[in-house]
C-alpha atoms as a PDB file:
ATOM      1  CA  UNK A   1     -61.881 -49.825  26.294  1.00  0.00           C
ATOM      2  CA  UNK A   2     -58.911 -47.495  26.828  1.00  0.00           C
ATOM      3  CA  UNK A   3     -58.098 -49.385  30.069  1.00  0.00           C
ATOM      4  CA  UNK A   4     -58.013 -52.675  28.167  1.00  0.00           C
ATOM      5  CA  UNK A   5     -55.761 -51.193  25.496  1.00  0.00           C
ATOM      6  CA  UNK A   6     -53.445 -49.727  28.136  1.00  0.00           C
ATOM      7  CA  UNK A   7     -53.234 -53.069  29.966  1.00  0.00           C
ATOM      8  CA  UNK A   8     -52.385 -54.863  26.706  1.00  0.00           C
ATOM      9  CA  UNK A   9     -49.710 -52.303  25.887  1.00  0.00           C
ATOM     10  CA  UNK A  10     -48.107 -52.632  29.319  1.00  0.00           C
ATOM     11  CA  UNK A  11     -48.118 -56.426  29.167  1.00  0.00           C
ATOM     12  CA  UNK A  12     -46.625 -56.397  25.701  1.00  0.00           C
ATOM     13  CA  UNK A  13     -43.943 -53.962  26.792  1.00  0.00           C
ATOM     14  CA  UNK A  14     -43.117 -55.947  29.947  1.00  0.00           C
ATOM     15  CA  UNK A  15     -42.598 -59.164  28.036  1.00  0.00           C
ATOM     16  CA  UNK A  16     -40.718 -57.156  25.422  1.00  0.00           C
ATOM     17  CA  UNK A  17     -38.259 -56.119  28.120  1.00  0.00           C
ATOM     18  CA  UNK A  18     -37.542 -59.772  28.814  1.00  0.00           C
ATOM     19  CA  UNK A  19     -37.432 -60.954  25.218  1.00  0.00           C
ATOM     20  CA  UNK A  20     -35.947 -59.651  22.010  1.00  0.00           C
ATOM     21  CA  UNK A  21     -39.236 -58.457  20.523  1.00  0.00           C
ATOM     22  CA  UNK A  22     -42.680 -58.060  22.019  1.00  0.00           C
ATOM     23  CA  UNK A  23     -45.579 -60.099  20.599  1.00  0.00           C
ATOM     24  CA  UNK A  24     -48.353 -58.838  18.348  1.00  0.00           C
ATOM     25  CA  UNK A  25     -51.666 -58.389  20.172  1.00  0.00           C
ATOM     26  CA  UNK A  26     -54.971 -59.143  18.403  1.00  0.00           C
ATOM     27  CA  UNK A  27     -57.947 -57.621  20.233  1.00  0.00           C
ATOM     28  CA  UNK A  28     -61.435 -58.765  19.208  1.00  0.00           C
ATOM     29  CA  UNK A  29     -64.702 -56.878  19.578  1.00  0.00           C
ATOM     30  CA  UNK A  30     -65.746 -59.253  22.399  1.00  0.00           C
ATOM     31  CA  UNK A  31     -62.703 -58.192  24.432  1.00  0.00           C
ATOM     32  CA  UNK A  32     -60.591 -61.318  23.990  1.00  0.00           C
ATOM     33  CA  UNK A  33     -56.900 -60.895  23.210  1.00  0.00           C
ATOM     34  CA  UNK A  34     -54.578 -63.284  21.373  1.00  0.00           C
ATOM     35  CA  UNK A  35     -50.837 -63.004  20.955  1.00  0.00           C
ATOM     36  CA  UNK A  36     -48.737 -63.997  17.977  1.00  0.00           C
ATOM     37  CA  UNK A  37     -45.269 -63.257  16.655  1.00  0.00           C
ATOM     38  CA  UNK A  38     -45.616 -62.560  12.909  1.00  0.00           C
ATOM     39  CA  UNK A  39     -47.713 -60.218  10.805  1.00  0.00           C
ATOM     40  CA  UNK A  40     -48.615 -63.112   8.516  1.00  0.00           C
ATOM     41  CA  UNK A  41     -50.040 -65.171  11.386  1.00  0.00           C
ATOM     42  CA  UNK A  42     -51.907 -62.097  12.647  1.00  0.00           C
ATOM     43  CA  UNK A  43     -53.570 -61.750   9.233  1.00  0.00           C
ATOM     44  CA  UNK A  44     -54.705 -65.383   9.474  1.00  0.00           C
ATOM     45  CA  UNK A  45     -55.866 -65.271  13.097  1.00  0.00           C
ATOM     46  CA  UNK A  46     -57.650 -61.922  12.974  1.00  0.00           C
ATOM     47  CA  UNK A  47     -61.419 -61.855  12.581  1.00  0.00           C
ATOM     48  CA  UNK A  48     -63.574 -59.161  10.999  1.00  0.00           C
ATOM     49  CA  UNK A  49     -63.230 -55.821  12.855  1.00  0.00           C
ATOM     50  CA  UNK A  50     -60.333 -57.013  15.054  1.00  0.00           C
ATOM     51  CA  UNK A  51     -57.574 -54.597  16.071  1.00  0.00           C
ATOM     52  CA  UNK A  52     -53.992 -55.765  15.526  1.00  0.00           C
ATOM     53  CA  UNK A  53     -51.509 -53.928  17.748  1.00  0.00           C
ATOM     54  CA  UNK A  54     -47.946 -54.049  16.461  1.00  0.00           C
ATOM     55  CA  UNK A  55     -45.227 -53.219  19.012  1.00  0.00           C
ATOM     56  CA  UNK A  56     -41.927 -51.643  18.164  1.00  0.00           C
ATOM     57  CA  UNK A  57     -39.735 -53.937  16.100  1.00  0.00           C
ATOM     58  CA  UNK A  58     -39.303 -55.307  12.599  1.00  0.00           C
ATOM     59  CA  UNK A  59     -41.977 -57.487  10.973  1.00  0.00           C
ATOM     60  CA  UNK A  60     -41.810 -59.326   7.659  1.00  0.00           C
ATOM     61  CA  UNK A  61     -44.253 -57.892   5.144  1.00  0.00           C
ATOM     62  CA  UNK A  62     -45.544 -59.427   1.952  1.00  0.00           C
ATOM     63  CA  UNK A  63     -48.806 -59.854   3.884  1.00  0.00           C
ATOM     64  CA  UNK A  64     -52.309 -59.451   2.449  1.00  0.00           C
ATOM     65  CA  UNK A  65     -55.518 -58.805   4.372  1.00  0.00           C
ATOM     66  CA  UNK A  66     -58.866 -59.969   2.998  1.00  0.00           C
ATOM     67  CA  UNK A  67     -61.038 -58.849   5.920  1.00  0.00           C
ATOM     68  CA  UNK A  68     -61.744 -55.530   7.638  1.00  0.00           C
ATOM     69  CA  UNK A  69     -59.131 -54.952  10.373  1.00  0.00           C
ATOM     70  CA  UNK A  70     -57.246 -52.132  12.050  1.00  0.00           C
ATOM     71  CA  UNK A  71     -53.462 -52.508  12.106  1.00  0.00           C
ATOM     72  CA  UNK A  72     -51.913 -50.068  14.586  1.00  0.00           C
ATOM     73  CA  UNK A  73     -48.214 -49.633  15.319  1.00  0.00           C
ATOM     74  CA  UNK A  74     -46.388 -47.450  17.838  1.00  0.00           C
ATOM     75  CA  UNK A  75     -45.199 -44.927  15.263  1.00  0.00           C
ATOM     76  CA  UNK A  76     -42.315 -44.473  12.840  1.00  0.00           C
ATOM     77  CA  UNK A  77     -40.580 -41.336  14.098  1.00  0.00           C
ATOM     78  CA  UNK A  78     -37.304 -42.363  15.821  1.00  0.00           C
ATOM     79  CA  UNK A  79     -37.553 -39.569  18.408  1.00  0.00           C
ATOM     80  CA  UNK A  80     -41.074 -40.373  19.588  1.00  0.00           C
ATOM     81  CA  UNK A  81     -40.462 -44.154  19.665  1.00  0.00           C
ATOM     82  CA  UNK A  82     -37.181 -44.143  21.587  1.00  0.00           C
ATOM     83  CA  UNK A  83     -38.659 -46.254  24.421  1.00  0.00           C
ATOM     84  CA  UNK A  84     -40.313 -48.879  22.223  1.00  0.00           C
ATOM     85  CA  UNK A  85     -38.530 -48.767  18.880  1.00  0.00           C
ATOM     86  CA  UNK A  86     -40.523 -47.892  15.781  1.00  0.00           C
ATOM     87  CA  UNK A  87     -42.862 -50.338  14.054  1.00  0.00           C
ATOM     88  CA  UNK A  88     -41.101 -51.345  10.833  1.00  0.00           C
ATOM     89  CA  UNK A  89     -42.606 -53.576   8.128  1.00  0.00           C
ATOM     90  CA  UNK A  90     -40.216 -54.975   5.539  1.00  0.00           C
ATOM     91  CA  UNK A  91     -41.712 -55.407   2.071  1.00  0.00           C
ATOM     92  CA  UNK A  92     -45.271 -54.435   1.237  1.00  0.00           C
ATOM     93  CA  UNK A  93     -48.609 -54.723   3.036  1.00  0.00           C
ATOM     94  CA  UNK A  94     -51.834 -55.235   1.101  1.00  0.00           C
ATOM     95  CA  UNK A  95     -55.526 -54.625   1.810  1.00  0.00           C
ATOM     96  CA  UNK A  96     -57.372 -56.563  -0.868  1.00  0.00           C
ATOM     97  CA  UNK A  97     -60.987 -57.194  -1.814  1.00  0.00           C
ATOM     98  CA  UNK A  98     -62.859 -57.998   1.393  1.00  0.00           C
ATOM     99  CA  UNK A  99     -60.689 -55.631   3.479  1.00  0.00           C
ATOM    100  CA  UNK A 100     -62.812 -52.559   2.715  1.00  0.00           C
ATOM    101  CA  UNK A 101     -62.959 -50.223   5.717  1.00  0.00           C
ATOM    102  CA  UNK A 102     -59.565 -51.290   7.098  1.00  0.00           C
ATOM    103  CA  UNK A 103     -57.180 -48.913   8.890  1.00  0.00           C
ATOM    104  CA  UNK A 104     -53.384 -48.781   8.938  1.00  0.00           C
ATOM    105  CA  UNK A 105     -51.812 -46.438  11.495  1.00  0.00           C
ATOM    106  CA  UNK A 106     -48.367 -45.683  12.875  1.00  0.00           C
ATOM    107  CA  UNK A 107     -45.966 -47.881  10.896  1.00  0.00           C
ATOM    108  CA  UNK A 108     -42.957 -47.556   8.594  1.00  0.00           C
ATOM    109  CA  UNK A 109     -43.395 -49.646   5.431  1.00  0.00           C
ATOM    110  CA  UNK A 110     -40.182 -50.224   3.484  1.00  0.00           C
ATOM    111  CA  UNK A 111     -42.094 -50.933   0.271  1.00  0.00           C
ATOM    112  CA  UNK A 112     -45.651 -50.131  -0.859  1.00  0.00           C
ATOM    113  CA  UNK A 113     -49.169 -50.204   0.553  1.00  0.00           C
ATOM    114  CA  UNK A 114     -51.630 -51.852  -1.825  1.00  0.00           C
ATOM    115  CA  UNK A 115     -55.205 -50.738  -1.315  1.00  0.00           C
ATOM    116  CA  UNK A 116     -58.787 -51.482  -2.200  1.00  0.00           C
ATOM    117  CA  UNK A 117     -61.833 -49.229  -1.607  1.00  0.00           C
ATOM    118  CA  UNK A 118     -62.418 -47.390   1.707  1.00  0.00           C
ATOM    119  CA  UNK A 119     -58.947 -47.838   3.197  1.00  0.00           C
ATOM    120  CA  UNK A 120     -57.724 -45.302   5.776  1.00  0.00           C
ATOM    121  CA  UNK A 121     -53.989 -44.726   6.287  1.00  0.00           C
ATOM    122  CA  UNK A 122     -52.794 -42.527   9.142  1.00  0.00           C
ATOM    123  CA  UNK A 123     -49.333 -41.487  10.339  1.00  0.00           C
ATOM    124  CA  UNK A 124     -47.344 -43.933   8.188  1.00  0.00           C
ATOM    125  CA  UNK A 125     -44.071 -43.656   6.275  1.00  0.00           C
ATOM    126  CA  UNK A 126     -44.446 -45.549   2.988  1.00  0.00           C
ATOM    127  CA  UNK A 127     -43.005 -45.744  -0.502  1.00  0.00           C
ATOM    128  CA  UNK A 128     -46.027 -45.832  -2.855  1.00  0.00           C
ATOM    129  CA  UNK A 129     -49.737 -46.111  -2.072  1.00  0.00           C
ATOM    130  CA  UNK A 130     -51.475 -47.673  -5.041  1.00  0.00           C
ATOM    131  CA  UNK A 131     -54.151 -49.903  -6.481  1.00  0.00           C
ATOM    132  CA  UNK A 132     -52.591 -53.078  -7.894  1.00  0.00           C
ATOM    133  CA  UNK A 133     -55.582 -54.077 -10.034  1.00  0.00           C
ATOM    134  CA  UNK A 134     -57.100 -52.662 -13.221  1.00  0.00           C
ATOM    135  CA  UNK A 135     -60.290 -51.766 -11.338  1.00  0.00           C
ATOM    136  CA  UNK A 136     -61.640 -48.551  -9.882  1.00  0.00           C
ATOM    137  CA  UNK A 137     -61.245 -47.996  -6.147  1.00  0.00           C
ATOM    138  CA  UNK A 138     -62.951 -45.255  -4.146  1.00  0.00           C
ATOM    139  CA  UNK A 139     -62.626 -43.289  -0.923  1.00  0.00           C
ATOM    140  CA  UNK A 140     -58.998 -43.810   0.016  1.00  0.00           C
ATOM    141  CA  UNK A 141     -58.021 -41.538   2.930  1.00  0.00           C
ATOM    142  CA  UNK A 142     -54.362 -40.723   3.590  1.00  0.00           C
ATOM    143  CA  UNK A 143     -53.716 -38.433   6.568  1.00  0.00           C
ATOM    144  CA  UNK A 144     -50.438 -37.205   8.154  1.00  0.00           C
ATOM    145  CA  UNK A 145     -48.249 -39.602   6.192  1.00  0.00           C
ATOM    146  CA  UNK A 146     -44.805 -39.474   4.628  1.00  0.00           C
ATOM    147  CA  UNK A 147     -45.092 -40.773   1.063  1.00  0.00           C
ATOM    148  CA  UNK A 148     -41.652 -41.381  -0.390  1.00  0.00           C
ATOM    149  CA  UNK A 149     -42.876 -42.424  -3.836  1.00  0.00           C
ATOM    150  CA  UNK A 150     -46.366 -41.257  -4.729  1.00  0.00           C
ATOM    151  CA  UNK A 151     -50.060 -42.028  -4.934  1.00  0.00           C
ATOM    152  CA  UNK A 152     -50.989 -44.132  -7.938  1.00  0.00           C
ATOM    153  CA  UNK A 153     -54.051 -45.696  -9.424  1.00  0.00           C
ATOM    154  CA  UNK A 154     -53.676 -48.638 -11.770  1.00  0.00           C
ATOM    155  CA  UNK A 155     -53.041 -47.787 -15.423  1.00  0.00           C
ATOM    156  CA  UNK A 156     -55.625 -48.231 -18.188  1.00  0.00           C
ATOM    157  CA  UNK A 157     -58.592 -47.348 -15.929  1.00  0.00           C
ATOM    158  CA  UNK A 158     -59.670 -44.284 -13.968  1.00  0.00           C
ATOM    159  CA  UNK A 159     -58.635 -46.386 -10.990  1.00  0.00           C
ATOM    160  CA  UNK A 160     -58.335 -44.174  -7.879  1.00  0.00           C
ATOM    161  CA  UNK A 161     -61.453 -42.044  -7.447  1.00  0.00           C
ATOM    162  CA  UNK A 162     -63.000 -39.707  -4.860  1.00  0.00           C
ATOM    163  CA  UNK A 163     -60.065 -39.993  -2.486  1.00  0.00           C
ATOM    164  CA  UNK A 164     -58.417 -37.578  -0.048  1.00  0.00           C
ATOM    165  CA  UNK A 165     -54.702 -37.132   0.624  1.00  0.00           C
ATOM    166  CA  UNK A 166     -54.115 -34.494   3.287  1.00  0.00           C
ATOM    167  CA  UNK A 167     -51.581 -33.060   5.718  1.00  0.00           C
ATOM    168  CA  UNK A 168     -48.910 -35.312   4.258  1.00  0.00           C
ATOM    169  CA  UNK A 169     -45.390 -34.906   2.872  1.00  0.00           C
ATOM    170  CA  UNK A 170     -44.814 -36.355  -0.601  1.00  0.00           C
ATOM    171  CA  UNK A 171     -41.572 -36.755  -2.511  1.00  0.00           C
ATOM    172  CA  UNK A 172     -40.902 -38.866  -5.541  1.00  0.00           C
ATOM    173  CA  UNK A 173     -38.303 -39.623  -8.148  1.00  0.00           C
ATOM    174  CA  UNK A 174     -41.078 -39.851 -10.728  1.00  0.00           C
ATOM    175  CA  UNK A 175     -44.802 -39.034 -10.510  1.00  0.00           C
ATOM    176  CA  UNK A 176     -46.086 -37.976  -7.105  1.00  0.00           C
ATOM    177  CA  UNK A 177     -49.601 -38.621  -8.423  1.00  0.00           C
ATOM    178  CA  UNK A 178     -50.822 -40.702 -11.369  1.00  0.00           C
ATOM    179  CA  UNK A 179     -54.115 -42.209 -12.527  1.00  0.00           C
ATOM    180  CA  UNK A 180     -56.024 -40.397  -9.775  1.00  0.00           C
ATOM    181  CA  UNK A 181     -59.387 -38.803 -10.607  1.00  0.00           C
ATOM    182  CA  UNK A 182     -61.929 -36.582  -8.817  1.00  0.00           C
ATOM    183  CA  UNK A 183     -59.807 -36.555  -5.654  1.00  0.00           C
ATOM    184  CA  UNK A 184     -58.582 -33.930  -3.204  1.00  0.00           C
ATOM    185  CA  UNK A 185     -55.016 -33.065  -2.150  1.00  0.00           C
ATOM    186  CA  UNK A 186     -55.193 -30.768   0.892  1.00  0.00           C
ATOM    187  CA  UNK A 187     -52.478 -29.157   3.042  1.00  0.00           C
ATOM    188  CA  UNK A 188     -49.675 -31.278   1.659  1.00  0.00           C
ATOM    189  CA  UNK A 189     -45.995 -30.478   1.154  1.00  0.00           C
ATOM    190  CA  UNK A 190     -44.806 -31.634  -2.276  1.00  0.00           C
ATOM    191  CA  UNK A 191     -41.016 -32.013  -2.379  1.00  0.00           C
ATOM    192  CA  UNK A 192     -40.927 -32.741  -6.115  1.00  0.00           C
ATOM    193  CA  UNK A 193     -38.352 -30.604  -7.936  1.00  0.00           C
ATOM    194  CA  UNK A 194     -37.720 -29.456 -11.503  1.00  0.00           C
ATOM    195  CA  UNK A 195     -40.270 -29.465 -14.295  1.00  0.00           C
ATOM    196  CA  UNK A 196     -43.315 -31.618 -13.774  1.00  0.00           C
ATOM    197  CA  UNK A 197     -46.324 -32.854 -15.755  1.00  0.00           C
ATOM    198  CA  UNK A 198     -49.563 -33.485 -13.938  1.00  0.00           C
ATOM    199  CA  UNK A 199     -51.822 -34.764 -16.702  1.00  0.00           C
ATOM    200  CA  UNK A 200     -52.510 -38.022 -14.860  1.00  0.00           C
ATOM    201  CA  UNK A 201     -54.373 -36.175 -12.086  1.00  0.00           C
ATOM    202  CA  UNK A 202     -57.711 -35.500 -13.748  1.00  0.00           C
ATOM    203  CA  UNK A 203     -60.441 -33.346 -12.190  1.00  0.00           C
ATOM    204  CA  UNK A 204     -58.536 -33.325  -8.890  1.00  0.00           C
ATOM    205  CA  UNK A 205     -58.452 -30.438  -6.418  1.00  0.00           C
ATOM    206  CA  UNK A 206     -55.165 -29.177  -4.961  1.00  0.00           C
ATOM    207  CA  UNK A 207     -55.600 -26.685  -2.135  1.00  0.00           C
ATOM    208  CA  UNK A 208     -53.374 -25.282   0.599  1.00  0.00           C
ATOM    209  CA  UNK A 209     -50.347 -27.241  -0.686  1.00  0.00           C
ATOM    210  CA  UNK A 210     -46.744 -26.172  -1.253  1.00  0.00           C
ATOM    211  CA  UNK A 211     -44.982 -26.798  -4.564  1.00  0.00           C
ATOM    212  CA  UNK A 212     -41.845 -24.749  -3.879  1.00  0.00           C
ATOM    213  CA  UNK A 213     -39.437 -27.130  -5.634  1.00  0.00           C
ATOM    214  CA  UNK A 214     -41.257 -27.267  -8.977  1.00  0.00           C
ATOM    215  CA  UNK A 215     -39.758 -24.779 -11.417  1.00  0.00           C
ATOM    216  CA  UNK A 216     -41.968 -25.399 -14.428  1.00  0.00           C
ATOM    217  CA  UNK A 217     -45.051 -27.251 -15.566  1.00  0.00           C
ATOM    218  CA  UNK A 218     -45.768 -29.252 -18.664  1.00  0.00           C
ATOM    219  CA  UNK A 219     -48.868 -30.910 -20.104  1.00  0.00           C
ATOM    220  CA  UNK A 220     -52.374 -29.562 -19.553  1.00  0.00           C
ATOM    221  CA  UNK A 221     -54.375 -30.417 -16.465  1.00  0.00           C
ATOM    222  CA  UNK A 222     -58.096 -30.460 -15.864  1.00  0.00           C
ATOM    223  CA  UNK A 223     -57.604 -30.022 -12.138  1.00  0.00           C
ATOM    224  CA  UNK A 224     -58.290 -27.152  -9.721  1.00  0.00           C
ATOM    225  CA  UNK A 225     -55.679 -25.195  -7.760  1.00  0.00           C
ATOM    226  CA  UNK A 226     -56.761 -23.108  -4.776  1.00  0.00           C
ATOM    227  CA  UNK A 227     -54.550 -21.234  -2.291  1.00  0.00           C
ATOM    228  CA  UNK A 228     -51.339 -23.101  -3.029  1.00  0.00           C
ATOM    229  CA  UNK A 229     -47.724 -21.905  -2.869  1.00  0.00           C
ATOM    230  CA  UNK A 230     -45.771 -22.347  -6.109  1.00  0.00           C
ATOM    231  CA  UNK A 231     -42.061 -22.031  -6.717  1.00  0.00           C
ATOM    232  CA  UNK A 232     -42.683 -21.343 -10.406  1.00  0.00           C
ATOM    233  CA  UNK A 233     -44.036 -18.189 -11.990  1.00  0.00           C
ATOM    234  CA  UNK A 234     -47.151 -20.079 -13.064  1.00  0.00           C
ATOM    235  CA  UNK A 235     -49.261 -23.087 -12.243  1.00  0.00           C
ATOM    236  CA  UNK A 236     -50.022 -26.083 -14.479  1.00  0.00           C
ATOM    237  CA  UNK A 237     -51.616 -25.155 -17.807  1.00  0.00           C
ATOM    238  CA  UNK A 238     -55.358 -25.002 -17.380  1.00  0.00           C
ATOM    239  CA  UNK A 239     -58.287 -25.430 -19.726  1.00  0.00           C
ATOM    240  CA  UNK A 240     -60.163 -22.782 -17.719  1.00  0.00           C
ATOM    241  CA  UNK A 241     -58.430 -19.938 -15.873  1.00  0.00           C
ATOM    242  CA  UNK A 242     -61.142 -20.024 -13.190  1.00  0.00           C
ATOM    243  CA  UNK A 243     -59.621 -23.336 -12.062  1.00  0.00           C
ATOM    244  CA  UNK A 244     -56.831 -21.425 -10.245  1.00  0.00           C
ATOM    245  CA  UNK A 245     -57.748 -19.042  -7.426  1.00  0.00           C
ATOM    246  CA  UNK A 246     -55.766 -17.530  -4.552  1.00  0.00           C
ATOM    247  CA  UNK A 247     -52.416 -19.124  -5.411  1.00  0.00           C
ATOM    248  CA  UNK A 248     -49.095 -17.538  -4.404  1.00  0.00           C
ATOM    249  CA  UNK A 249     -46.398 -17.687  -7.098  1.00  0.00           C
ATOM    250  CA  UNK A 250     -42.600 -17.333  -7.188  1.00  0.00           C
ATOM    251  CA  UNK A 251     -42.027 -18.612  -3.657  1.00  0.00           C
ATOM    252  CA  UNK A 252     -38.771 -20.392  -2.896  1.00  0.00           C
ATOM    253  CA  UNK A 253     -38.409 -23.112  -0.252  1.00  0.00           C
ATOM    254  CA  UNK A 254     -36.024 -20.839   1.672  1.00  0.00           C
ATOM    255  CA  UNK A 255     -38.617 -18.065   1.843  1.00  0.00           C
ATOM    256  CA  UNK A 256     -41.484 -20.445   2.664  1.00  0.00           C
ATOM    257  CA  UNK A 257     -40.053 -22.612   5.450  1.00  0.00           C
ATOM    258  CA  UNK A 258     -38.017 -22.000   8.588  1.00  0.00           C
ATOM    259  CA  UNK A 259     -35.674 -24.725   7.333  1.00  0.00           C
ATOM    260  CA  UNK A 260     -35.793 -25.203   3.576  1.00  0.00           C
ATOM    261  CA  UNK A 261     -36.576 -28.874   2.880  1.00  0.00           C
ATOM    262  CA  UNK A 262     -34.395 -31.124   0.766  1.00  0.00           C
ATOM    263  CA  UNK A 263     -35.835 -33.290  -1.996  1.00  0.00           C
ATOM    264  CA  UNK A 264     -36.429 -36.159   0.436  1.00  0.00           C
ATOM    265  CA  UNK A 265     -38.188 -36.228   3.787  1.00  0.00           C
ATOM    266  CA  UNK A 266     -36.067 -35.649   6.886  1.00  0.00           C
ATOM    267  CA  UNK A 267     -37.088 -36.442  10.468  1.00  0.00           C
ATOM    268  CA  UNK A 268     -34.816 -33.584  11.554  1.00  0.00           C
ATOM    269  CA  UNK A 269     -36.927 -30.993   9.718  1.00  0.00           C
ATOM    270  CA  UNK A 270     -40.223 -29.951  11.332  1.00  0.00           C
ATOM    271  CA  UNK A 271     -41.410 -28.188   8.119  1.00  0.00           C
ATOM    272  CA  UNK A 272     -42.671 -25.125   9.963  1.00  0.00           C
ATOM    273  CA  UNK A 273     -43.548 -22.113   7.845  1.00  0.00           C
ATOM    274  CA  UNK A 274     -41.370 -19.026   7.857  1.00  0.00           C
ATOM    275  CA  UNK A 275     -43.333 -16.416   9.867  1.00  0.00           C
ATOM    276  CA  UNK A 276     -42.611 -13.885   7.102  1.00  0.00           C
ATOM    277  CA  UNK A 277     -44.044 -16.111   4.356  1.00  0.00           C
ATOM    278  CA  UNK A 278     -47.460 -15.248   2.855  1.00  0.00           C
ATOM    279  CA  UNK A 279     -48.221 -18.973   3.261  1.00  0.00           C
ATOM    280  CA  UNK A 280     -48.870 -18.392   6.988  1.00  0.00           C
ATOM    281  CA  UNK A 281     -52.250 -16.804   6.214  1.00  0.00           C
ATOM    282  CA  UNK A 282     -52.536 -17.671   2.523  1.00  0.00           C
ATOM    283  CA  UNK A 283     -54.679 -20.788   2.900  1.00  0.00           C
ATOM    284  CA  UNK A 284     -58.442 -21.147   2.632  1.00  0.00           C
ATOM    285  CA  UNK A 285     -60.084 -18.764   5.103  1.00  0.00           C
ATOM    286  CA  UNK A 286     -56.714 -17.117   5.938  1.00  0.00           C
ATOM    287  CA  UNK A 287     -55.391 -20.378   7.417  1.00  0.00           C
ATOM    288  CA  UNK A 288     -51.921 -21.903   7.119  1.00  0.00           C
ATOM    289  CA  UNK A 289     -50.827 -23.532   3.894  1.00  0.00           C
ATOM    290  CA  UNK A 290     -49.031 -26.846   4.381  1.00  0.00           C
ATOM    291  CA  UNK A 291     -49.191 -29.647   6.926  1.00  0.00           C
ATOM    292  CA  UNK A 292     -49.970 -27.498   9.982  1.00  0.00           C
ATOM    293  CA  UNK A 293     -53.149 -26.092   8.447  1.00  0.00           C
ATOM    294  CA  UNK A 294     -56.564 -27.618   7.860  1.00  0.00           C
ATOM    295  CA  UNK A 295     -58.962 -29.353  10.220  1.00  0.00           C
ATOM    296  CA  UNK A 296     -56.450 -32.002  11.401  1.00  0.00           C
ATOM    297  CA  UNK A 297     -52.943 -30.494  11.441  1.00  0.00           C
ATOM    298  CA  UNK A 298     -49.711 -32.459  11.544  1.00  0.00           C
ATOM    299  CA  UNK A 299     -48.576 -33.144  15.135  1.00  0.00           C
ATOM    300  CA  UNK A 300     -44.941 -33.363  16.231  1.00  0.00           C
ATOM    301  CA  UNK A 301     -43.973 -37.015  16.739  1.00  0.00           C
ATOM    302  CA  UNK A 302     -46.945 -38.153  14.671  1.00  0.00           C
ATOM    303  CA  UNK A 303     -47.831 -41.162  16.832  1.00  0.00           C
ATOM    304  CA  UNK A 304     -51.165 -43.061  16.918  1.00  0.00           C
ATOM    305  CA  UNK A 305     -53.759 -41.921  19.505  1.00  0.00           C
ATOM    306  CA  UNK A 306     -53.701 -45.143  21.563  1.00  0.00           C
ATOM    307  CA  UNK A 307     -51.664 -45.078  24.834  1.00  0.00           C
ATOM    308  CA  UNK A 308     -47.999 -44.593  23.995  1.00  0.00           C
ATOM    309  CA  UNK A 309     -44.979 -45.527  26.104  1.00  0.00           C
ATOM    310  CA  UNK A 310     -42.828 -42.417  26.333  1.00  0.00           C
ATOM    311  CA  UNK A 311     -40.141 -43.862  28.614  1.00  0.00           C
ATOM    312  CA  UNK A 312     -39.369 -47.340  29.981  1.00  0.00           C
ATOM    313  CA  UNK A 313     -36.962 -48.118  32.828  1.00  0.00           C
ATOM    314  CA  UNK A 314     -36.159 -51.692  33.876  1.00  0.00           C
ATOM    315  CA  UNK A 315     -33.928 -52.397  36.864  1.00  0.00           C
ATOM    316  CA  UNK A 316     -30.820 -54.408  35.945  1.00  0.00           C
ATOM    317  CA  UNK A 317     -31.555 -57.065  38.589  1.00  0.00           C
ATOM    318  CA  UNK A 318     -34.306 -58.354  40.868  1.00  0.00           C
ATOM    319  CA  UNK A 319     -34.625 -57.141  44.446  1.00  0.00           C
ATOM    320  CA  UNK A 320     -36.108 -59.724  46.802  1.00  0.00           C
ATOM    321  CA  UNK A 321     -37.380 -61.691  43.825  1.00  0.00           C
ATOM    322  CA  UNK A 322     -39.086 -58.645  42.280  1.00  0.00           C
ATOM    323  CA  UNK A 323     -38.055 -56.921  39.047  1.00  0.00           C
ATOM    324  CA  UNK A 324     -39.103 -53.278  38.958  1.00  0.00           C
ATOM    325  CA  UNK A 325     -40.384 -51.966  35.627  1.00  0.00           C
ATOM    326  CA  UNK A 326     -41.437 -48.311  35.358  1.00  0.00           C
ATOM    327  CA  UNK A 327     -43.361 -46.832  32.407  1.00  0.00           C
ATOM    328  CA  UNK A 328     -44.324 -43.292  31.479  1.00  0.00           C
ATOM    329  CA  UNK A 329     -47.439 -43.698  29.342  1.00  0.00           C
ATOM    330  CA  UNK A 330     -49.376 -40.910  27.643  1.00  0.00           C
ATOM    331  CA  UNK A 331     -51.823 -40.239  24.826  1.00  0.00           C
ATOM    332  CA  UNK A 332     -51.093 -37.761  22.019  1.00  0.00           C
END
């Protein structure tokens, strides 16, 4: 299977060197591959359980999926996608009823990702991840993502339940979490600053996260806080003091990180912990707090696990009727 994926990637990249933008490849479970040029047409052509490979380039969003698919780009980090260009989706992308079990991996989304139950999102840069309907959704997984807005369930219902957001970086001009219940936030970096209310995260668990920019808390919370780093002298007001264990208080961003983060995500910052910070061994089981801790730590470059073109060299002209194209391909 890896050989087939590698062949498809090389073909896409070769044609991409001759054209302005490489095609989208749709790989079915029976091994057949179809090519198309737009994300919208890929959503129409794809069958249940197909894999849609998006090359580097810009693709119009506003596209909804109603079947289970995997949509995989080449990554969003400019440094790790220098040879291919990053996969960039303008507008939103939606996984609606019928798309349960779908995967989105390795793309930059200029707007929001709309989700139903059992959606998995890996290594993406996105504005807001949310449920657009007044219904409950379950088992969202967000891993190694940059979330510029927040994670939101729909208002007026419990909405987002039993979900996991981990090893991600979250910053927001408003709520970094709202209408989320019985869910887990693990090994995240929260760039939110100032005073913050967290009443819309009910019965959630926050563990091994950094909250160094938050200077004060308002509104009670019925959530649990374990082994986090806080910039404030206290954590959110609790109904039961046993809901907060092992937290480290009064920690500034300068003391916690090698390079203190700004209020928005920066590709230039690797968000490594300061070796002198208690966060280095302050996590669950004496592990790291933040994105480099936990069972699946953040990886530099943050690219999908399928074969990735690291460098591409194309001769400027043919020699004896042959055009030489050389690729350096690896797997993270």
